[in-house]
Amino acid sequence: MQNSNKRIWLASPTMHGEELTYMTQAYTTNWMSTVGANISEVERIASEKIGCKYAVGLSAGTAALHMAVKLAGVKPGEKVFCSDMTFAATVNPVVYEKAEPVFIDTEADTWNLDPEALRNAFKAHPEVRVVIVAHLYGTPAKIDEIRSICEEYNAVLIEDAAESLGATYNGIQTGSFGKYSCISFNGNKIITGSSGGMLLTNDEQAAKLVQKWSTQSREPAPWYQHNDVGYNYRMSNVIAGVIRGQFPHLEEHIEAKRMIYERYKEGLSGLPVTMNPYETDKAVPNFWLSCLIIDKDAMCPQTISETSVTYESQHGKSCPAEILEKLAAINAEGRPIWKPMHMQPIFSDNEFFTATSTGAQAKADNVGADIFSRGLCLPSDIKMTDEELDSIIAVIRSCFD
């Protein structure tokens, strides 16, 4: 079994050496701030890889999302349709601009925003001008359908590809479908700078605006002149050096993540569980996190409150709480599925749409809440050994004994 003194992480940075070379270059040339060769180069690499004309390096994926919301012209009081099952960073920039997130349920095929639920929401609010869709755990959403619906209603599509860098849909990179798209280089992402993010677009004027806004909206004057509110959002040249060293290893990381996913799929075969799904004929995920969902009839009793969870162990059955507890016992880090936004106390009064309903009925019967109750994220660190992965699989299997 796994040595309990060694931590198995959910997803930690994997460094290769080139990162230090570019960081040192920033240091020795004294380009330690928010300008420098590393920033220019990672912007070039990212736009070339993803297939967009412009990339603007920022301090975080959240900063990129905030800039995207501003570019889309979101105004106070406006409704914005948002993915429901996602990290709060997808949604918070809407609130920064004092607008109102409206949450769109998840579909079972990809665990992403449900196009039919989006259509249902547009029928109720055809005036909505902005949609934000996230690609959960590195799996592409049904982005062609979603984009088509946005075009039908003349709505701006913002693509949150923070988790899906390198994933493709119909052979096209995620991060290139939105009018404005965002990626993240947070410490646990497929490649990392420890922090950092990017705004992606084909609109030159939009890219220039973000460059201006992200450097405190300074006007071209000999003194500090400001006509607009600005932000301290520009990427550091040091952080960009880390990202520059990571980018050549993106495909290598994706392949390692894919192999982890396949090992779990094979090792857990025969159990009443399913790995996080994707459209095999259209999507190629980056497999950032491997997840599983337990069959409904194989769930032991589990009670989830706002801040804790309890369960009752039963022979032949299990639940996410039990599996996570047993993984923690061997010093392996798992994680619950993102708790849907409509279930968060801060957003409890916001509108929520499923494919067929809204209001209390939607909140009583929706896909996202079901995935949250039955699913979990598995250790997906590419530095895991085969022995460690086997130990994790053995622990999961033991939960159903």
Protein backbone atom coordinates (compact mmCIF):
# COMPACT_ATOMS: atom_id res chain seq x y z
CA MET A 1 0.00 0.00 0.00
CA GLN A 2 0.95 3.65 -0.38
CA ASN A 3 3.47 5.10 2.10
CA SER A 4 1.29 7.41 4.22
CA ASN A 5 4.22 9.82 4.75
CA LYS A 6 4.22 10.81 1.07
CA ARG A 7 1.38 13.02 -0.08
CA ILE A 8 -0.40 12.19 -3.34
CA TRP A 9 -1.78 15.45 -4.63
CA LEU A 10 -4.93 16.10 -6.62
CA ALA A 11 -2.93 18.08 -9.20
CA SER A 12 0.33 19.82 -8.34
CA PRO A 13 2.83 21.71 -10.54
CA THR A 14 5.29 19.63 -12.57
CA MET A 15 8.47 21.55 -13.34
CA HIS A 16 11.00 20.68 -16.03
CA GLY A 17 13.92 23.10 -15.74
CA GLU A 18 13.34 25.51 -18.62
CA GLU A 19 11.11 27.54 -16.31
CA LEU A 20 14.09 28.52 -14.16
CA THR A 21 16.08 29.56 -17.23
CA TYR A 22 13.43 32.10 -18.26
CA MET A 23 12.83 33.29 -14.70
CA THR A 24 16.57 33.83 -14.30
CA GLN A 25 16.62 35.71 -17.60
CA ALA A 26 13.99 38.09 -16.22
CA TYR A 27 16.11 38.53 -13.09
CA THR A 28 19.47 39.08 -14.77
CA THR A 29 18.04 41.57 -17.28
CA ASN A 30 16.08 43.29 -14.49
CA TRP A 31 12.74 42.93 -16.31
CA MET A 32 10.94 41.95 -13.11
CA SER A 33 7.69 43.85 -13.57
CA THR A 34 4.78 43.67 -16.02
CA VAL A 35 6.77 44.13 -19.23
CA GLY A 36 9.41 41.94 -20.80
CA ALA A 37 10.30 39.31 -23.36
CA ASN A 38 8.66 36.45 -21.45
CA ILE A 39 5.24 38.11 -21.53
CA SER A 40 5.46 38.85 -25.23
CA GLU A 41 6.57 35.31 -25.99
CA VAL A 42 3.88 33.51 -23.97
CA GLU A 43 1.24 35.71 -25.57
CA ARG A 44 2.59 34.72 -28.99
CA ILE A 45 2.75 31.01 -28.07
CA ALA A 46 -0.75 30.98 -26.58
CA SER A 47 -2.42 32.73 -29.51
CA GLU A 48 -0.63 30.42 -31.96
CA LYS A 49 -1.51 27.27 -30.03
CA ILE A 50 -5.17 28.14 -29.48
CA GLY A 51 -5.74 29.71 -32.86
CA CYS A 52 -6.75 33.24 -31.98
CA LYS A 53 -5.21 36.49 -33.15
CA TYR A 54 -4.53 38.11 -29.78
CA ALA A 55 -3.64 36.98 -26.27
CA VAL A 56 -3.19 39.33 -23.33
CA GLY A 57 -1.24 38.02 -20.33
CA LEU A 58 -2.94 38.79 -17.02
CA SER A 59 -2.42 38.06 -13.34
CA ALA A 60 -5.05 35.29 -13.15
CA GLY A 61 -7.78 33.54 -15.07
CA THR A 62 -10.26 35.43 -12.89
CA ALA A 63 -8.77 38.73 -14.06
CA ALA A 64 -9.19 37.55 -17.65
CA LEU A 65 -12.85 36.69 -17.00
CA HIS A 66 -13.40 40.10 -15.44
CA MET A 67 -11.92 41.80 -18.48
CA ALA A 68 -14.11 39.64 -20.74
CA VAL A 69 -17.25 40.68 -18.83
CA LYS A 70 -16.26 44.33 -19.19
CA LEU A 71 -15.53 43.90 -22.90
CA ALA A 72 -18.98 42.36 -23.35
CA GLY A 73 -20.46 45.57 -21.94
CA VAL A 74 -22.24 43.98 -18.99
CA LYS A 75 -24.10 46.66 -17.03
CA PRO A 76 -25.38 46.77 -13.44
CA GLY A 77 -28.67 44.91 -13.05
CA GLU A 78 -28.33 42.97 -16.32
CA LYS A 79 -28.83 39.20 -16.35
CA VAL A 80 -25.96 37.02 -17.56
CA PHE A 81 -26.43 33.30 -18.29
CA CYS A 82 -23.68 31.24 -16.61
CA SER A 83 -22.60 27.64 -16.23
CA ASP A 84 -24.00 26.32 -12.96
CA MET A 85 -21.56 23.55 -12.07
CA THR A 86 -18.23 25.37 -12.02
CA PHE A 87 -15.80 27.13 -9.73
CA ALA A 88 -17.03 30.48 -8.37
CA ALA A 89 -14.39 32.36 -10.38
CA THR A 90 -16.48 31.78 -13.51
CA VAL A 91 -19.32 33.76 -11.97
CA ASN A 92 -17.76 36.30 -9.61
CA PRO A 93 -16.73 38.79 -12.36
CA VAL A 94 -20.42 39.18 -13.24
CA VAL A 95 -21.02 40.27 -9.65
CA TYR A 96 -17.99 42.59 -9.77
CA GLU A 97 -19.87 44.52 -12.45
CA LYS A 98 -23.05 44.47 -10.29
CA ALA A 99 -24.89 42.30 -12.80
CA GLU A 100 -27.03 39.23 -12.01
CA PRO A 101 -25.84 35.69 -12.78
CA VAL A 102 -28.61 33.37 -13.99
CA PHE A 103 -27.57 29.74 -13.74
CA ILE A 104 -28.00 27.13 -16.46
CA ASP A 105 -28.18 23.46 -15.48
CA THR A 106 -25.65 20.80 -16.40
CA GLU A 107 -26.14 17.97 -18.88
CA ALA A 108 -25.06 14.39 -18.21
CA ASP A 109 -23.08 13.82 -21.44
CA THR A 110 -20.18 16.16 -20.54
CA TRP A 111 -21.07 17.61 -17.10
CA ASN A 112 -21.14 21.03 -18.76
CA LEU A 113 -23.77 23.67 -19.51
CA ASP A 114 -26.86 22.05 -21.06
CA PRO A 115 -27.74 23.62 -24.44
CA GLU A 116 -31.42 22.77 -23.96
CA ALA A 117 -31.46 24.45 -20.57
CA LEU A 118 -29.82 27.48 -22.20
CA ARG A 119 -32.53 27.58 -24.84
CA ASN A 120 -35.18 27.35 -22.11
CA ALA A 121 -33.58 30.30 -20.33
CA PHE A 122 -33.51 32.38 -23.52
CA LYS A 123 -37.22 31.72 -24.04
CA ALA A 124 -37.82 33.34 -20.65
CA HIS A 125 -35.24 36.12 -21.12
CA PRO A 126 -34.58 36.75 -24.84
CA GLU A 127 -33.05 40.10 -23.92
CA VAL A 128 -29.97 38.53 -22.30
CA ARG A 129 -26.82 39.60 -24.17
CA VAL A 130 -24.03 37.54 -22.57
CA VAL A 131 -23.44 33.83 -21.89
CA ILE A 132 -20.47 32.44 -19.93
CA VAL A 133 -19.71 28.75 -20.43
CA ALA A 134 -16.99 26.77 -18.63
CA HIS A 135 -15.34 23.56 -19.84
CA LEU A 136 -15.43 21.49 -16.65
CA TYR A 137 -12.36 19.47 -15.60
CA GLY A 138 -10.82 19.85 -19.06
CA THR A 139 -13.80 18.36 -20.94
CA PRO A 140 -15.20 20.50 -23.77
CA ALA A 141 -18.83 21.56 -23.50
CA LYS A 142 -21.18 21.10 -26.47
CA ILE A 143 -19.76 24.35 -27.64
CA ASP A 144 -21.03 24.30 -31.25
CA GLU A 145 -24.64 23.98 -30.04
CA ILE A 146 -24.12 26.61 -27.37
CA ARG A 147 -22.51 29.05 -29.80
CA SER A 148 -25.34 28.50 -32.29
CA ILE A 149 -27.94 29.37 -29.65
CA CYS A 150 -25.97 32.49 -28.70
CA GLU A 151 -25.87 33.57 -32.34
CA GLU A 152 -29.62 32.99 -32.65
CA TYR A 153 -30.24 35.41 -29.77
CA ASN A 154 -27.41 37.79 -30.71
CA ALA A 155 -25.64 37.13 -27.41
CA VAL A 156 -21.89 37.41 -26.74
CA LEU A 157 -20.25 34.09 -25.82
CA ILE A 158 -17.54 34.22 -23.17
CA GLU A 159 -15.59 30.98 -22.95
CA ASP A 160 -14.05 29.98 -19.63
CA ALA A 161 -11.34 27.57 -20.78
CA ALA A 162 -9.38 27.88 -17.54
CA GLU A 163 -9.44 24.11 -17.02
CA SER A 164 -9.30 22.98 -20.65
CA LEU A 165 -6.12 24.36 -22.23
CA GLY A 166 -5.13 21.97 -25.02
CA ALA A 167 -8.53 20.28 -25.27
CA THR A 168 -10.28 20.29 -28.65
CA TYR A 169 -13.83 20.11 -29.99
CA ASN A 170 -14.22 18.95 -33.60
CA GLY A 171 -10.48 19.48 -33.92
CA ILE A 172 -10.61 23.11 -32.76
CA GLN A 173 -8.93 24.27 -29.56
CA THR A 174 -11.10 25.35 -26.66
CA GLY A 175 -10.45 28.99 -25.96
CA SER A 176 -11.11 29.92 -29.58
CA PHE A 177 -14.92 29.61 -29.67
CA GLY A 178 -15.89 32.65 -27.61
CA LYS A 179 -15.83 36.25 -28.74
CA TYR A 180 -13.72 36.57 -25.60
CA SER A 181 -12.10 33.53 -24.00
CA CYS A 182 -10.00 32.96 -20.91
CA ILE A 183 -7.36 30.48 -19.78
CA SER A 184 -5.62 30.00 -16.43
CA PHE A 185 -2.10 29.11 -15.32
CA ASN A 186 -2.99 28.60 -11.66
CA GLY A 187 -0.77 26.21 -9.72
CA ASN A 188 -2.94 23.14 -10.27
CA LYS A 189 -3.68 23.63 -13.98
CA ILE A 190 -2.42 21.48 -16.87
CA ILE A 191 0.56 23.86 -17.20
CA THR A 192 1.26 26.55 -14.64
CA GLY A 193 3.03 29.78 -13.85
CA SER A 194 2.04 29.44 -10.17
CA SER A 195 -0.51 32.07 -11.15
CA GLY A 196 -1.45 33.95 -14.28
CA GLY A 197 -4.10 33.88 -16.97
CA MET A 198 -4.90 35.17 -20.45
CA LEU A 199 -7.65 36.94 -22.33
CA LEU A 200 -8.00 35.55 -25.87
CA THR A 201 -9.78 37.27 -28.75
CA ASN A 202 -9.70 37.94 -32.49
CA ASP A 203 -10.63 41.59 -31.86
CA GLU A 204 -7.56 43.83 -31.95
CA GLN A 205 -9.36 46.76 -30.31
CA ALA A 206 -10.57 44.52 -27.48
CA ALA A 207 -7.03 43.27 -26.86
CA LYS A 208 -5.70 46.82 -26.72
CA LEU A 209 -8.45 47.81 -24.27
CA VAL A 210 -7.53 44.94 -21.96
CA GLN A 211 -3.85 45.88 -22.12
CA LYS A 212 -4.86 49.40 -21.08
CA TRP A 213 -7.40 48.44 -18.39
CA SER A 214 -5.04 45.89 -16.86
CA THR A 215 -2.30 48.50 -16.37
CA GLN A 216 -4.46 50.99 -14.45
CA SER A 217 -5.94 52.55 -17.61
CA ARG A 218 -3.06 54.93 -18.06
CA GLU A 219 -3.50 57.33 -20.99
CA PRO A 220 -0.62 58.22 -23.38
CA ALA A 221 0.47 61.38 -21.58
CA PRO A 222 3.75 62.48 -19.95
CA TRP A 223 2.07 62.22 -16.52
CA TYR A 224 -0.34 59.67 -15.04
CA GLN A 225 -3.55 60.51 -16.86
CA HIS A 226 -6.67 58.36 -16.36
CA ASN A 227 -10.00 58.60 -18.19
CA ASP A 228 -11.27 55.16 -17.10
CA VAL A 229 -11.15 52.95 -14.02
CA GLY A 230 -8.12 50.69 -14.24
CA TYR A 231 -6.91 47.44 -12.69
CA ASN A 232 -3.57 46.01 -11.62
CA TYR A 233 -4.13 42.84 -13.66
CA ARG A 234 -1.10 42.57 -15.98
CA MET A 235 1.00 39.41 -15.90
CA SER A 236 4.45 39.57 -14.31
CA ASN A 237 7.44 38.91 -16.56
CA VAL A 238 8.74 36.49 -13.91
CA ILE A 239 5.51 34.47 -13.88
CA ALA A 240 5.54 34.56 -17.68
CA GLY A 241 8.98 32.96 -17.54
CA VAL A 242 7.54 29.96 -15.71
CA ILE A 243 4.72 29.66 -18.24
CA ARG A 244 7.17 30.03 -21.13
CA GLY A 245 9.12 27.07 -19.79
CA GLN A 246 5.95 25.04 -19.29
CA PHE A 247 4.32 25.49 -22.70
CA PRO A 248 6.62 23.05 -24.56
CA HIS A 249 5.42 20.33 -22.16
CA LEU A 250 1.67 20.89 -22.61
CA GLU A 251 1.08 17.87 -24.85
CA GLU A 252 3.28 15.73 -22.62
CA HIS A 253 1.17 16.70 -19.61
CA ILE A 254 -2.06 16.02 -21.48
CA GLU A 255 -0.88 12.55 -22.46
CA ALA A 256 0.11 11.79 -18.86
CA LYS A 257 -3.31 12.94 -17.66
CA ARG A 258 -5.01 10.81 -20.33
CA MET A 259 -3.11 7.75 -19.17
CA ILE A 260 -4.21 8.36 -15.58
CA TYR A 261 -7.83 8.58 -16.73
CA GLU A 262 -7.50 5.33 -18.68
CA ARG A 263 -5.80 3.58 -15.74
CA TYR A 264 -8.68 4.55 -13.48
CA LYS A 265 -11.23 3.48 -16.08
CA GLU A 266 -9.61 0.07 -16.43
CA GLY A 267 -8.83 -0.39 -12.74
CA LEU A 268 -12.35 0.48 -11.60
CA SER A 269 -14.13 -1.62 -14.23
CA GLY A 270 -16.77 -3.86 -12.74
CA LEU A 271 -17.60 -1.38 -9.98
CA PRO A 272 -20.89 0.56 -10.02
CA VAL A 273 -19.09 3.75 -11.05
CA THR A 274 -18.52 5.74 -14.26
CA MET A 275 -15.68 8.09 -15.15
CA ASN A 276 -16.45 11.73 -16.04
CA PRO A 277 -17.86 11.50 -19.58
CA TYR A 278 -17.12 13.26 -22.85
CA GLU A 279 -18.36 13.12 -26.45
CA THR A 280 -15.93 10.59 -27.88
CA ASP A 281 -16.82 11.45 -31.48
CA LYS A 282 -16.24 15.19 -31.09
CA ALA A 283 -14.22 16.08 -28.01
CA VAL A 284 -10.64 15.39 -27.00
CA PRO A 285 -10.33 16.53 -23.35
CA ASN A 286 -7.07 17.47 -21.71
CA PHE A 287 -8.10 15.12 -18.85
CA TRP A 288 -7.07 17.73 -16.27
CA LEU A 289 -8.93 15.93 -13.48
CA SER A 290 -10.15 12.35 -13.51
CA CYS A 291 -13.50 12.07 -11.75
CA LEU A 292 -16.04 9.36 -11.08
CA ILE A 293 -19.76 9.18 -10.35
CA ILE A 294 -21.37 6.36 -8.37
CA ASP A 295 -24.46 4.60 -9.70
CA LYS A 296 -27.61 5.70 -7.88
CA ASP A 297 -28.44 2.23 -6.61
CA ALA A 298 -24.90 1.78 -5.27
CA MET A 299 -24.96 4.88 -3.05
CA CYS A 300 -24.89 4.38 0.70
CA PRO A 301 -26.87 6.94 2.75
CA GLN A 302 -25.10 10.31 2.71
CA THR A 303 -26.25 13.59 4.27
CA ILE A 304 -24.77 16.86 3.01
CA SER A 305 -25.17 20.09 5.00
CA GLU A 306 -23.82 23.52 4.07
CA THR A 307 -20.39 22.82 5.56
CA SER A 308 -20.12 19.10 6.32
CA VAL A 309 -21.14 15.62 5.21
CA THR A 310 -21.96 12.38 7.03
CA TYR A 311 -22.62 8.91 5.70
CA GLU A 312 -23.72 5.45 6.80
CA SER A 313 -21.46 2.64 5.62
CA GLN A 314 -23.24 -0.23 3.88
CA HIS A 315 -21.96 -3.51 2.45
CA GLY A 316 -21.51 -3.36 -1.31
CA LYS A 317 -22.26 0.38 -1.46
CA SER A 318 -20.33 3.59 -1.02
CA CYS A 319 -20.56 7.36 -1.45
CA PRO A 320 -18.16 10.22 -2.24
CA ALA A 321 -17.70 11.05 1.45
CA GLU A 322 -16.55 7.53 2.26
CA ILE A 323 -14.17 7.28 -0.70
CA LEU A 324 -12.61 10.66 0.06
CA GLU A 325 -12.20 9.67 3.71
CA LYS A 326 -10.47 6.41 2.77
CA LEU A 327 -8.21 8.20 0.28
CA ALA A 328 -7.24 10.73 2.94
CA ALA A 329 -6.26 7.81 5.19
CA ILE A 330 -3.47 6.91 2.71
CA ASN A 331 -2.53 10.60 2.37
CA ALA A 332 -4.08 10.96 -1.09
CA GLU A 333 -5.94 14.14 -2.00
CA GLY A 334 -9.35 13.81 -3.61
CA ARG A 335 -12.01 16.49 -3.80
CA PRO A 336 -15.78 16.81 -4.05
CA ILE A 337 -17.22 17.85 -7.41
CA TRP A 338 -17.73 21.62 -7.75
CA LYS A 339 -20.85 22.48 -5.79
CA PRO A 340 -23.29 24.02 -8.30
CA MET A 341 -23.65 27.79 -8.08
CA HIS A 342 -27.43 27.66 -7.61
CA MET A 343 -26.80 25.71 -4.38
CA GLN A 344 -24.38 28.28 -2.97
CA PRO A 345 -25.82 30.49 -0.19
CA ILE A 346 -24.63 33.66 -1.90
CA PHE A 347 -26.67 32.80 -5.03
CA SER A 348 -29.67 31.07 -3.44
CA ASP A 349 -32.10 33.73 -4.75
CA ASN A 350 -30.74 33.80 -8.32
CA GLU A 351 -32.72 32.33 -11.19
CA PHE A 352 -31.88 28.81 -12.29
CA PHE A 353 -33.01 26.99 -15.44
CA THR A 354 -33.05 23.31 -16.38
CA ALA A 355 -34.04 22.02 -19.81
CA THR A 356 -37.69 21.96 -18.80
CA SER A 357 -38.22 24.15 -15.77
CA THR A 358 -37.15 27.03 -13.54
CA GLY A 359 -37.73 28.16 -9.97
CA ALA A 360 -38.41 25.69 -7.17
CA GLN A 361 -39.07 22.81 -9.56
CA ALA A 362 -35.68 23.23 -11.24
CA LYS A 363 -33.87 23.39 -7.91
CA ALA A 364 -35.64 20.23 -6.75
CA ASP A 365 -34.75 18.21 -9.83
CA ASN A 366 -31.56 19.03 -11.71
CA VAL A 367 -28.54 17.26 -13.12
CA GLY A 368 -25.86 19.37 -11.44
CA ALA A 369 -27.03 18.68 -7.90
CA ASP A 370 -27.19 14.96 -8.67
CA ILE A 371 -23.61 14.89 -10.00
CA PHE A 372 -22.44 16.85 -6.96
CA SER A 373 -24.04 14.33 -4.58
CA ARG A 374 -22.70 11.22 -6.34
CA GLY A 375 -19.39 12.39 -7.87
CA LEU A 376 -15.84 13.12 -6.76
CA CYS A 377 -12.48 14.19 -8.19
CA LEU A 378 -9.71 11.61 -7.96
CA PRO A 379 -5.98 12.21 -7.43
CA SER A 380 -4.77 13.22 -10.90
CA ASP A 381 -1.19 14.32 -10.34
CA ILE A 382 1.05 13.33 -13.24
CA LYS A 383 3.92 12.59 -10.85
CA MET A 384 2.03 9.66 -9.31
CA THR A 385 3.82 6.33 -9.62
CA ASP A 386 2.09 3.21 -10.91
CA GLU A 387 2.23 1.82 -7.39
CA GLU A 388 0.51 4.91 -5.98
CA LEU A 389 -2.20 4.77 -8.62
CA ASP A 390 -2.74 1.08 -7.91
CA SER A 391 -3.07 1.87 -4.20
CA ILE A 392 -5.75 4.48 -4.92
CA ILE A 393 -7.67 2.06 -7.12
CA ALA A 394 -7.43 -0.62 -4.42
CA VAL A 395 -8.83 1.79 -1.81
CA ILE A 396 -11.78 2.70 -4.04
CA ARG A 397 -12.53 -0.94 -4.75
CA SER A 398 -12.42 -1.72 -1.02
CA CYS A 399 -15.18 0.83 -0.41
CA PHE A 400 -17.62 -1.40 -2.31
CA ASP A 401 -16.68 -4.64 -0.52
